């Protein structure tokens, strides 16, 4: 979660879907506030490959799932494994 300006109600979860040749990595952003939010997400894998997604508009009390790109596919099968491997995910902007 990110704090300040009502953005403390915005949550980021990383979803990993197993594919035949690679895992697909997506971010689910949930806005638990009564106001619409615009967020930007940053993701990076242990090799330094990075992806920035956004700004994304998330409706009040809504959620949105977006792909994070072709990176991070071989470092784990869930968010915890990816982060243990050195991957990072964060909301870098929220308004």
PDB file of N, CA and C in Angstrom:
ATOM      1  N   UNK A   1       0.837  -1.190   0.000  1.00  0.00           N
ATOM      2  CA  UNK A   1       0.000   0.000   0.000  1.00  0.00           C
ATOM      3  C   UNK A   1       0.875   1.245   0.000  1.00  0.00           C
ATOM      4  N   UNK A   2       0.339   2.319  -0.466  1.00  0.00           N
ATOM      5  CA  UNK A   2       1.024   3.611  -0.451  1.00  0.00           C
ATOM      6  C   UNK A   2       0.199   4.545   0.413  1.00  0.00           C
ATOM      7  N   UNK A   3       0.838   5.440   1.134  1.00  0.00           N
ATOM      8  CA  UNK A   3       0.107   6.299   2.054  1.00  0.00           C
ATOM      9  C   UNK A   3      -0.064   7.708   1.542  1.00  0.00           C
ATOM     10  N   UNK A   4      -0.937   8.459   2.221  1.00  0.00           N
ATOM     11  CA  UNK A   4      -1.099   9.876   1.943  1.00  0.00           C
ATOM     12  C   UNK A   4      -2.188  10.185   0.948  1.00  0.00           C
ATOM     13  N   UNK A   5      -2.916  11.267   1.197  1.00  0.00           N
ATOM     14  CA  UNK A   5      -3.894  11.775   0.244  1.00  0.00           C
ATOM     15  C   UNK A   5      -4.983  10.804  -0.131  1.00  0.00           C
ATOM     16  N   UNK A   6      -5.344   9.915   0.764  1.00  0.00           N
ATOM     17  CA  UNK A   6      -6.370   8.935   0.444  1.00  0.00           C
ATOM     18  C   UNK A   6      -5.836   7.734  -0.308  1.00  0.00           C
ATOM     19  N   UNK A   7      -4.583   7.763  -0.693  1.00  0.00           N
ATOM     20  CA  UNK A   7      -3.998   6.652  -1.433  1.00  0.00           C
ATOM     21  C   UNK A   7      -3.661   5.471  -0.537  1.00  0.00           C
ATOM     22  N   UNK A   8      -3.791   5.637   0.759  1.00  0.00           N
ATOM     23  CA  UNK A   8      -3.549   4.503   1.657  1.00  0.00           C
ATOM     24  C   UNK A   8      -4.578   3.401   1.424  1.00  0.00           C
ATOM     25  N   UNK A   9      -5.671   3.718   0.759  1.00  0.00           N
ATOM     26  CA  UNK A   9      -6.711   2.729   0.469  1.00  0.00           C
ATOM     27  C   UNK A   9      -6.452   1.986  -0.837  1.00  0.00           C
ATOM     28  N   UNK A  10      -5.331   2.277  -1.508  1.00  0.00           N
ATOM     29  CA  UNK A  10      -5.002   1.622  -2.768  1.00  0.00           C
ATOM     30  C   UNK A  10      -4.046   0.469  -2.488  1.00  0.00           C
ATOM     31  N   UNK A  11      -4.405  -0.722  -2.968  1.00  0.00           N
ATOM     32  CA  UNK A  11      -3.597  -1.915  -2.744  1.00  0.00           C
ATOM     33  C   UNK A  11      -3.126  -2.496  -4.069  1.00  0.00           C
ATOM     34  N   UNK A  12      -1.929  -3.063  -4.051  1.00  0.00           N
ATOM     35  CA  UNK A  12      -1.335  -3.683  -5.230  1.00  0.00           C
ATOM     36  C   UNK A  12      -1.039  -5.142  -4.920  1.00  0.00           C
ATOM     37  N   UNK A  13      -1.575  -6.039  -5.736  1.00  0.00           N
ATOM     38  CA  UNK A  13      -1.280  -7.464  -5.639  1.00  0.00           C
ATOM     39  C   UNK A  13      -0.732  -7.915  -6.982  1.00  0.00           C
ATOM     40  N   UNK A  14       0.263  -8.782  -6.935  1.00  0.00           N
ATOM     41  CA  UNK A  14       0.843  -9.322  -8.163  1.00  0.00           C
ATOM     42  C   UNK A  14       0.272 -10.715  -8.376  1.00  0.00           C
ATOM     43  N   UNK A  15      -0.223 -10.946  -9.587  1.00  0.00           N
ATOM     44  CA  UNK A  15      -0.825 -12.225  -9.944  1.00  0.00           C
ATOM     45  C   UNK A  15       0.078 -12.933 -10.941  1.00  0.00           C
ATOM     46  N   UNK A  16       0.288 -14.207 -10.747  1.00  0.00           N
ATOM     47  CA  UNK A  16       1.100 -15.002 -11.664  1.00  0.00           C
ATOM     48  C   UNK A  16       0.230 -16.127 -12.188  1.00  0.00           C
ATOM     49  N   UNK A  17       0.053 -16.163 -13.497  1.00  0.00           N
ATOM     50  CA  UNK A  17      -0.743 -17.203 -14.132  1.00  0.00           C
ATOM     51  C   UNK A  17       0.199 -18.095 -14.920  1.00  0.00           C
ATOM     52  N   UNK A  18       0.155 -19.362 -14.624  1.00  0.00           N
ATOM     53  CA  UNK A  18       1.043 -20.294 -15.319  1.00  0.00           C
ATOM     54  C   UNK A  18       0.605 -20.447 -16.776  1.00  0.00           C
ATOM     55  N   UNK A  19       1.573 -20.298 -17.668  1.00  0.00           N
ATOM     56  CA  UNK A  19       1.328 -20.503 -19.080  1.00  0.00           C
ATOM     57  C   UNK A  19       2.093 -21.717 -19.573  1.00  0.00           C
ATOM     58  N   UNK A  20       1.856 -22.101 -20.806  1.00  0.00           N
ATOM     59  CA  UNK A  20       2.525 -23.273 -21.350  1.00  0.00           C
ATOM     60  C   UNK A  20       4.030 -23.051 -21.476  1.00  0.00           C
ATOM     61  N   UNK A  21       4.442 -21.856 -21.891  1.00  0.00           N
ATOM     62  CA  UNK A  21       5.853 -21.579 -22.116  1.00  0.00           C
ATOM     63  C   UNK A  21       6.441 -20.607 -21.101  1.00  0.00           C
ATOM     64  N   UNK A  22       5.600 -19.818 -20.467  1.00  0.00           N
ATOM     65  CA  UNK A  22       6.084 -18.827 -19.499  1.00  0.00           C
ATOM     66  C   UNK A  22       4.935 -18.448 -18.581  1.00  0.00           C
ATOM     67  N   UNK A  23       5.279 -17.842 -17.475  1.00  0.00           N
ATOM     68  CA  UNK A  23       4.259 -17.327 -16.567  1.00  0.00           C
ATOM     69  C   UNK A  23       3.885 -15.911 -16.980  1.00  0.00           C
ATOM     70  N   UNK A  24       2.608 -15.602 -16.913  1.00  0.00           N
ATOM     71  CA  UNK A  24       2.138 -14.252 -17.205  1.00  0.00           C
ATOM     72  C   UNK A  24       1.991 -13.508 -15.883  1.00  0.00           C
ATOM     73  N   UNK A  25       2.609 -12.340 -15.791  1.00  0.00           N
ATOM     74  CA  UNK A  25       2.600 -11.566 -14.562  1.00  0.00           C
ATOM     75  C   UNK A  25       1.706 -10.334 -14.746  1.00  0.00           C
ATOM     76  N   UNK A  26       0.764 -10.149 -13.835  1.00  0.00           N
ATOM     77  CA  UNK A  26      -0.153  -9.014 -13.881  1.00  0.00           C
ATOM     78  C   UNK A  26      -0.220  -8.359 -12.515  1.00  0.00           C
ATOM     79  N   UNK A  27      -0.690  -7.131 -12.512  1.00  0.00           N
ATOM     80  CA  UNK A  27      -0.914  -6.410 -11.263  1.00  0.00           C
ATOM     81  C   UNK A  27      -2.402  -6.164 -11.113  1.00  0.00           C
ATOM     82  N   UNK A  28      -2.910  -6.437  -9.925  1.00  0.00           N
ATOM     83  CA  UNK A  28      -4.293  -6.085  -9.599  1.00  0.00           C
ATOM     84  C   UNK A  28      -4.237  -4.922  -8.626  1.00  0.00           C
ATOM     85  N   UNK A  29      -4.836  -3.800  -9.020  1.00  0.00           N
ATOM     86  CA  UNK A  29      -4.870  -2.610  -8.184  1.00  0.00           C
ATOM     87  C   UNK A  29      -6.292  -2.474  -7.668  1.00  0.00           C
ATOM     88  N   UNK A  30      -6.417  -2.371  -6.365  1.00  0.00           N
ATOM     89  CA  UNK A  30      -7.732  -2.239  -5.739  1.00  0.00           C
ATOM     90  C   UNK A  30      -7.807  -0.901  -5.022  1.00  0.00           C
ATOM     91  N   UNK A  31      -8.848  -0.139  -5.329  1.00  0.00           N
ATOM     92  CA  UNK A  31      -9.060   1.166  -4.727  1.00  0.00           C
ATOM     93  C   UNK A  31     -10.218   1.054  -3.747  1.00  0.00           C
ATOM     94  N   UNK A  32      -9.906   1.066  -2.467  1.00  0.00           N
ATOM     95  CA  UNK A  32     -10.935   0.935  -1.436  1.00  0.00           C
ATOM     96  C   UNK A  32     -11.413   2.282  -0.899  1.00  0.00           C
ATOM     97  N   UNK A  33     -11.185   3.344  -1.658  1.00  0.00           N
ATOM     98  CA  UNK A  33     -11.633   4.662  -1.219  1.00  0.00           C
ATOM     99  C   UNK A  33     -12.887   5.067  -1.988  1.00  0.00           C
ATOM    100  N   UNK A  34     -13.508   6.117  -1.543  1.00  0.00           N
ATOM    101  CA  UNK A  34     -14.718   6.623  -2.195  1.00  0.00           C
ATOM    102  C   UNK A  34     -14.400   7.600  -3.322  1.00  0.00           C
ATOM    103  N   UNK A  35     -13.120   7.762  -3.657  1.00  0.00           N
ATOM    104  CA  UNK A  35     -12.698   8.670  -4.724  1.00  0.00           C
ATOM    105  C   UNK A  35     -11.925   7.911  -5.790  1.00  0.00           C
ATOM    106  N   UNK A  36     -12.083   8.336  -7.035  1.00  0.00           N
ATOM    107  CA  UNK A  36     -11.312   7.770  -8.121  1.00  0.00           C
ATOM    108  C   UNK A  36      -9.829   8.070  -7.903  1.00  0.00           C
ATOM    109  N   UNK A  37      -8.946   7.156  -8.267  1.00  0.00           N
ATOM    110  CA  UNK A  37      -7.497   7.339  -8.127  1.00  0.00           C
ATOM    111  C   UNK A  37      -6.805   7.060  -9.450  1.00  0.00           C
ATOM    112  N   UNK A  38      -5.674   7.729  -9.652  1.00  0.00           N
ATOM    113  CA  UNK A  38      -4.795   7.468 -10.799  1.00  0.00           C
ATOM    114  C   UNK A  38      -3.471   6.977 -10.236  1.00  0.00           C
ATOM    115  N   UNK A  39      -3.049   5.785 -10.672  1.00  0.00           N
ATOM    116  CA  UNK A  39      -1.831   5.198 -10.138  1.00  0.00           C
ATOM    117  C   UNK A  39      -0.884   4.790 -11.264  1.00  0.00           C
ATOM    118  N   UNK A  40       0.400   4.788 -10.950  1.00  0.00           N
ATOM    119  CA  UNK A  40       1.437   4.282 -11.840  1.00  0.00           C
ATOM    120  C   UNK A  40       2.196   3.209 -11.079  1.00  0.00           C
ATOM    121  N   UNK A  41       2.448   2.089 -11.755  1.00  0.00           N
ATOM    122  CA  UNK A  41       3.102   0.944 -11.138  1.00  0.00           C
ATOM    123  C   UNK A  41       4.464   0.738 -11.778  1.00  0.00           C
ATOM    124  N   UNK A  42       5.437   0.375 -10.960  1.00  0.00           N
ATOM    125  CA  UNK A  42       6.765   0.009 -11.437  1.00  0.00           C
ATOM    126  C   UNK A  42       7.043  -1.430 -11.031  1.00  0.00           C
ATOM    127  N   UNK A  43       7.630  -2.201 -11.962  1.00  0.00           N
ATOM    128  CA  UNK A  43       8.034  -3.572 -11.673  1.00  0.00           C
ATOM    129  C   UNK A  43       9.428  -3.776 -12.239  1.00  0.00           C
ATOM    130  N   UNK A  44      10.247  -4.536 -11.537  1.00  0.00           N
ATOM    131  CA  UNK A  44      11.599  -4.825 -12.000  1.00  0.00           C
ATOM    132  C   UNK A  44      11.973  -6.251 -11.624  1.00  0.00           C
ATOM    133  N   UNK A  45      12.722  -6.921 -12.501  1.00  0.00           N
ATOM    134  CA  UNK A  45      13.175  -8.262 -12.176  1.00  0.00           C
ATOM    135  C   UNK A  45      14.634  -8.226 -11.720  1.00  0.00           C
ATOM    136  N   UNK A  46      15.169  -9.340 -11.234  1.00  0.00           N
ATOM    137  CA  UNK A  46      16.530  -9.349 -10.690  1.00  0.00           C
ATOM    138  C   UNK A  46      17.612  -9.003 -11.712  1.00  0.00           C
ATOM    139  N   UNK A  47      17.313  -9.124 -13.003  1.00  0.00           N
ATOM    140  CA  UNK A  47      18.295  -8.805 -14.038  1.00  0.00           C
ATOM    141  C   UNK A  47      18.282  -7.334 -14.433  1.00  0.00           C
ATOM    142  N   UNK A  48      17.430  -6.547 -13.804  1.00  0.00           N
ATOM    143  CA  UNK A  48      17.369  -5.125 -14.108  1.00  0.00           C
ATOM    144  C   UNK A  48      16.377  -4.747 -15.187  1.00  0.00           C
ATOM    145  N   UNK A  49      15.650  -5.718 -15.734  1.00  0.00           N
ATOM    146  CA  UNK A  49      14.587  -5.395 -16.687  1.00  0.00           C
ATOM    147  C   UNK A  49      13.452  -4.741 -15.914  1.00  0.00           C
ATOM    148  N   UNK A  50      12.908  -3.668 -16.457  1.00  0.00           N
ATOM    149  CA  UNK A  50      11.881  -2.919 -15.739  1.00  0.00           C
ATOM    150  C   UNK A  50      10.697  -2.610 -16.635  1.00  0.00           C
ATOM    151  N   UNK A  51       9.574  -2.393 -15.994  1.00  0.00           N
ATOM    152  CA  UNK A  51       8.342  -2.039 -16.680  1.00  0.00           C
ATOM    153  C   UNK A  51       7.603  -1.019 -15.832  1.00  0.00           C
ATOM    154  N   UNK A  52       7.098   0.023 -16.471  1.00  0.00           N
ATOM    155  CA  UNK A  52       6.260   1.008 -15.795  1.00  0.00           C
ATOM    156  C   UNK A  52       4.922   1.022 -16.507  1.00  0.00           C
ATOM    157  N   UNK A  53       3.848   0.933 -15.738  1.00  0.00           N
ATOM    158  CA  UNK A  53       2.503   0.901 -16.299  1.00  0.00           C
ATOM    159  C   UNK A  53       1.702   2.031 -15.671  1.00  0.00           C
ATOM    160  N   UNK A  54       1.102   2.855 -16.519  1.00  0.00           N
ATOM    161  CA  UNK A  54       0.253   3.915 -16.002  1.00  0.00           C
ATOM    162  C   UNK A  54       0.587   5.249 -16.613  1.00  0.00           C
ATOM    163  N   UNK A  55      -0.129   6.249 -16.179  1.00  0.00           N
ATOM    164  CA  UNK A  55      -1.104   6.220 -15.091  1.00  0.00           C
ATOM    165  C   UNK A  55      -2.388   5.477 -15.479  1.00  0.00           C
ATOM    166  N   UNK A  56      -2.924   4.769 -14.502  1.00  0.00           N
ATOM    167  CA  UNK A  56      -4.148   4.000 -14.660  1.00  0.00           C
ATOM    168  C   UNK A  56      -5.233   4.611 -13.795  1.00  0.00           C
ATOM    169  N   UNK A  57      -6.411   4.743 -14.330  1.00  0.00           N
ATOM    170  CA  UNK A  57      -7.531   5.253 -13.553  1.00  0.00           C
ATOM    171  C   UNK A  57      -8.257   4.082 -12.918  1.00  0.00           C
ATOM    172  N   UNK A  58      -8.428   4.168 -11.601  1.00  0.00           N
ATOM    173  CA  UNK A  58      -9.130   3.130 -10.845  1.00  0.00           C
ATOM    174  C   UNK A  58     -10.363   3.776 -10.227  1.00  0.00           C
ATOM    175  N   UNK A  59     -11.521   3.265 -10.550  1.00  0.00           N
ATOM    176  CA  UNK A  59     -12.775   3.829 -10.059  1.00  0.00           C
ATOM    177  C   UNK A  59     -12.863   3.721  -8.544  1.00  0.00           C
ATOM    178  N   UNK A  60     -13.661   4.601  -7.961  1.00  0.00           N
ATOM    179  CA  UNK A  60     -13.924   4.540  -6.520  1.00  0.00           C
ATOM    180  C   UNK A  60     -14.444   3.151  -6.176  1.00  0.00           C
ATOM    181  N   UNK A  61     -13.875   2.562  -5.122  1.00  0.00           N
ATOM    182  CA  UNK A  61     -14.266   1.224  -4.666  1.00  0.00           C
ATOM    183  C   UNK A  61     -14.221   0.195  -5.792  1.00  0.00           C
ATOM    184  N   UNK A  62     -13.266   0.367  -6.695  1.00  0.00           N
ATOM    185  CA  UNK A  62     -13.135  -0.539  -7.826  1.00  0.00           C
ATOM    186  C   UNK A  62     -11.755  -1.161  -7.891  1.00  0.00           C
ATOM    187  N   UNK A  63     -11.554  -1.998  -8.899  1.00  0.00           N
ATOM    188  CA  UNK A  63     -10.257  -2.623  -9.096  1.00  0.00           C
ATOM    189  C   UNK A  63      -9.998  -2.764 -10.591  1.00  0.00           C
ATOM    190  N   UNK A  64      -8.726  -3.012 -10.897  1.00  0.00           N
ATOM    191  CA  UNK A  64      -8.322  -3.152 -12.287  1.00  0.00           C
ATOM    192  C   UNK A  64      -7.114  -4.079 -12.331  1.00  0.00           C
ATOM    193  N   UNK A  65      -7.060  -4.947 -13.321  1.00  0.00           N
ATOM    194  CA  UNK A  65      -5.927  -5.843 -13.504  1.00  0.00           C
ATOM    195  C   UNK A  65      -5.262  -5.524 -14.827  1.00  0.00           C
ATOM    196  N   UNK A  66      -3.930  -5.361 -14.799  1.00  0.00           N
ATOM    197  CA  UNK A  66      -3.178  -5.009 -15.997  1.00  0.00           C
ATOM    198  C   UNK A  66      -1.929  -5.883 -16.098  1.00  0.00           C
ATOM    199  N   UNK A  67      -1.522  -6.243 -17.331  1.00  0.00           N
ATOM    200  CA  UNK A  67      -0.288  -7.009 -17.501  1.00  0.00           C
ATOM    201  C   UNK A  67       0.933  -6.136 -17.200  1.00  0.00           C
ATOM    202  N   UNK A  68       1.975  -6.755 -16.671  1.00  0.00           N
ATOM    203  CA  UNK A  68       3.204  -6.024 -16.363  1.00  0.00           C
ATOM    204  C   UNK A  68       4.266  -6.216 -17.431  1.00  0.00           C
ATOM    205  N   UNK A  69       3.938  -6.861 -18.522  1.00  0.00           N
ATOM    206  CA  UNK A  69       4.902  -7.032 -19.592  1.00  0.00           C
ATOM    207  C   UNK A  69       5.584  -8.384 -19.537  1.00  0.00           C
ATOM    208  N   UNK A  70       6.521  -8.606 -20.430  1.00  0.00           N
ATOM    209  CA  UNK A  70       7.145  -9.922 -20.552  1.00  0.00           C
ATOM    210  C   UNK A  70       8.235 -10.201 -19.521  1.00  0.00           C
ATOM    211  N   UNK A  71       8.475  -9.265 -18.611  1.00  0.00           N
ATOM    212  CA  UNK A  71       9.523  -9.496 -17.633  1.00  0.00           C
ATOM    213  C   UNK A  71       9.045 -10.374 -16.490  1.00  0.00           C
ATOM    214  N   UNK A  72       9.973 -10.851 -15.700  1.00  0.00           N
ATOM    215  CA  UNK A  72       9.685 -11.568 -14.469  1.00  0.00           C
ATOM    216  C   UNK A  72       9.113 -12.958 -14.684  1.00  0.00           C
ATOM    217  N   UNK A  73       9.141 -13.500 -15.867  1.00  0.00           N
ATOM    218  CA  UNK A  73       8.433 -14.747 -16.120  1.00  0.00           C
ATOM    219  C   UNK A  73       9.125 -15.980 -15.555  1.00  0.00           C
ATOM    220  N   UNK A  74      10.402 -15.938 -15.291  1.00  0.00           N
ATOM    221  CA  UNK A  74      11.076 -17.164 -14.864  1.00  0.00           C
ATOM    222  C   UNK A  74      11.593 -17.107 -13.431  1.00  0.00           C
ATOM    223  N   UNK A  75      11.146 -16.152 -12.649  1.00  0.00           N
ATOM    224  CA  UNK A  75      11.701 -15.983 -11.308  1.00  0.00           C
ATOM    225  C   UNK A  75      10.814 -16.495 -10.187  1.00  0.00           C
ATOM    226  N   UNK A  76       9.634 -17.000 -10.500  1.00  0.00           N
ATOM    227  CA  UNK A  76       8.770 -17.529  -9.464  1.00  0.00           C
ATOM    228  C   UNK A  76       7.356 -17.712  -9.950  1.00  0.00           C
ATOM    229  N   UNK A  77       6.595 -18.471  -9.166  1.00  0.00           N
ATOM    230  CA  UNK A  77       5.219 -18.768  -9.559  1.00  0.00           C
ATOM    231  C   UNK A  77       4.191 -18.017  -8.719  1.00  0.00           C
ATOM    232  N   UNK A  78       4.670 -17.123  -7.827  1.00  0.00           N
ATOM    233  CA  UNK A  78       3.754 -16.261  -7.081  1.00  0.00           C
ATOM    234  C   UNK A  78       4.520 -15.015  -6.628  1.00  0.00           C
ATOM    235  N   UNK A  79       3.804 -14.051  -6.072  1.00  0.00           N
ATOM    236  CA  UNK A  79       4.416 -12.774  -5.701  1.00  0.00           C
ATOM    237  C   UNK A  79       5.558 -12.964  -4.699  1.00  0.00           C
ATOM    238  N   UNK A  80       5.371 -13.807  -3.703  1.00  0.00           N
ATOM    239  CA  UNK A  80       6.405 -14.009  -2.685  1.00  0.00           C
ATOM    240  C   UNK A  80       7.682 -14.583  -3.294  1.00  0.00           C
ATOM    241  N   UNK A  81       7.549 -15.563  -4.194  1.00  0.00           N
ATOM    242  CA  UNK A  81       8.732 -16.141  -4.843  1.00  0.00           C
ATOM    243  C   UNK A  81       9.441 -15.116  -5.711  1.00  0.00           C
ATOM    244  N   UNK A  82       8.674 -14.314  -6.438  1.00  0.00           N
ATOM    245  CA  UNK A  82       9.275 -13.275  -7.270  1.00  0.00           C
ATOM    246  C   UNK A  82      10.069 -12.290  -6.422  1.00  0.00           C
ATOM    247  N   UNK A  83       9.490 -11.852  -5.311  1.00  0.00           N
ATOM    248  CA  UNK A  83      10.170 -10.887  -4.445  1.00  0.00           C
ATOM    249  C   UNK A  83      11.396 -11.499  -3.773  1.00  0.00           C
ATOM    250  N   UNK A  84      11.330 -12.779  -3.391  1.00  0.00           N
ATOM    251  CA  UNK A  84      12.507 -13.448  -2.817  1.00  0.00           C
ATOM    252  C   UNK A  84      13.635 -13.548  -3.836  1.00  0.00           C
ATOM    253  N   UNK A  85      13.288 -13.634  -5.120  1.00  0.00           N
ATOM    254  CA  UNK A  85      14.286 -13.704  -6.182  1.00  0.00           C
ATOM    255  C   UNK A  85      14.906 -12.347  -6.489  1.00  0.00           C
ATOM    256  N   UNK A  86      14.362 -11.285  -5.902  1.00  0.00           N
ATOM    257  CA  UNK A  86      14.897  -9.946  -6.130  1.00  0.00           C
ATOM    258  C   UNK A  86      14.026  -9.050  -6.985  1.00  0.00           C
ATOM    259  N   UNK A  87      12.849  -9.526  -7.381  1.00  0.00           N
ATOM    260  CA  UNK A  87      11.929  -8.688  -8.141  1.00  0.00           C
ATOM    261  C   UNK A  87      11.282  -7.674  -7.208  1.00  0.00           C
ATOM    262  N   UNK A  88      10.862  -6.549  -7.764  1.00  0.00           N
ATOM    263  CA  UNK A  88      10.184  -5.528  -6.956  1.00  0.00           C
ATOM    264  C   UNK A  88       8.961  -5.008  -7.688  1.00  0.00           C
ATOM    265  N   UNK A  89       7.964  -4.651  -6.898  1.00  0.00           N
ATOM    266  CA  UNK A  89       6.698  -4.120  -7.417  1.00  0.00           C
ATOM    267  C   UNK A  89       6.289  -2.982  -6.505  1.00  0.00           C
ATOM    268  N   UNK A  90       5.933  -1.856  -7.081  1.00  0.00           N
ATOM    269  CA  UNK A  90       5.478  -0.763  -6.216  1.00  0.00           C
ATOM    270  C   UNK A  90       4.627   0.232  -6.981  1.00  0.00           C
ATOM    271  N   UNK A  91       3.769   0.902  -6.233  1.00  0.00           N
ATOM    272  CA  UNK A  91       3.017   2.028  -6.766  1.00  0.00           C
ATOM    273  C   UNK A  91       3.932   3.233  -6.627  1.00  0.00           C
ATOM    274  N   UNK A  92       4.336   3.814  -7.759  1.00  0.00           N
ATOM    275  CA  UNK A  92       5.284   4.922  -7.694  1.00  0.00           C
ATOM    276  C   UNK A  92       4.602   6.287  -7.774  1.00  0.00           C
ATOM    277  N   UNK A  93       3.322   6.294  -8.112  1.00  0.00           N
ATOM    278  CA  UNK A  93       2.585   7.558  -8.122  1.00  0.00           C
ATOM    279  C   UNK A  93       1.119   7.241  -7.883  1.00  0.00           C
ATOM    280  N   UNK A  94       0.488   8.070  -7.082  1.00  0.00           N
ATOM    281  CA  UNK A  94      -0.939   7.924  -6.789  1.00  0.00           C
ATOM    282  C   UNK A  94      -1.507   9.302  -6.523  1.00  0.00           C
ATOM    283  N   UNK A  95      -2.613   9.610  -7.178  1.00  0.00           N
ATOM    284  CA  UNK A  95      -3.265  10.899  -6.946  1.00  0.00           C
ATOM    285  C   UNK A  95      -4.760  10.719  -6.953  1.00  0.00           C
TER     286      UNK A  95
END
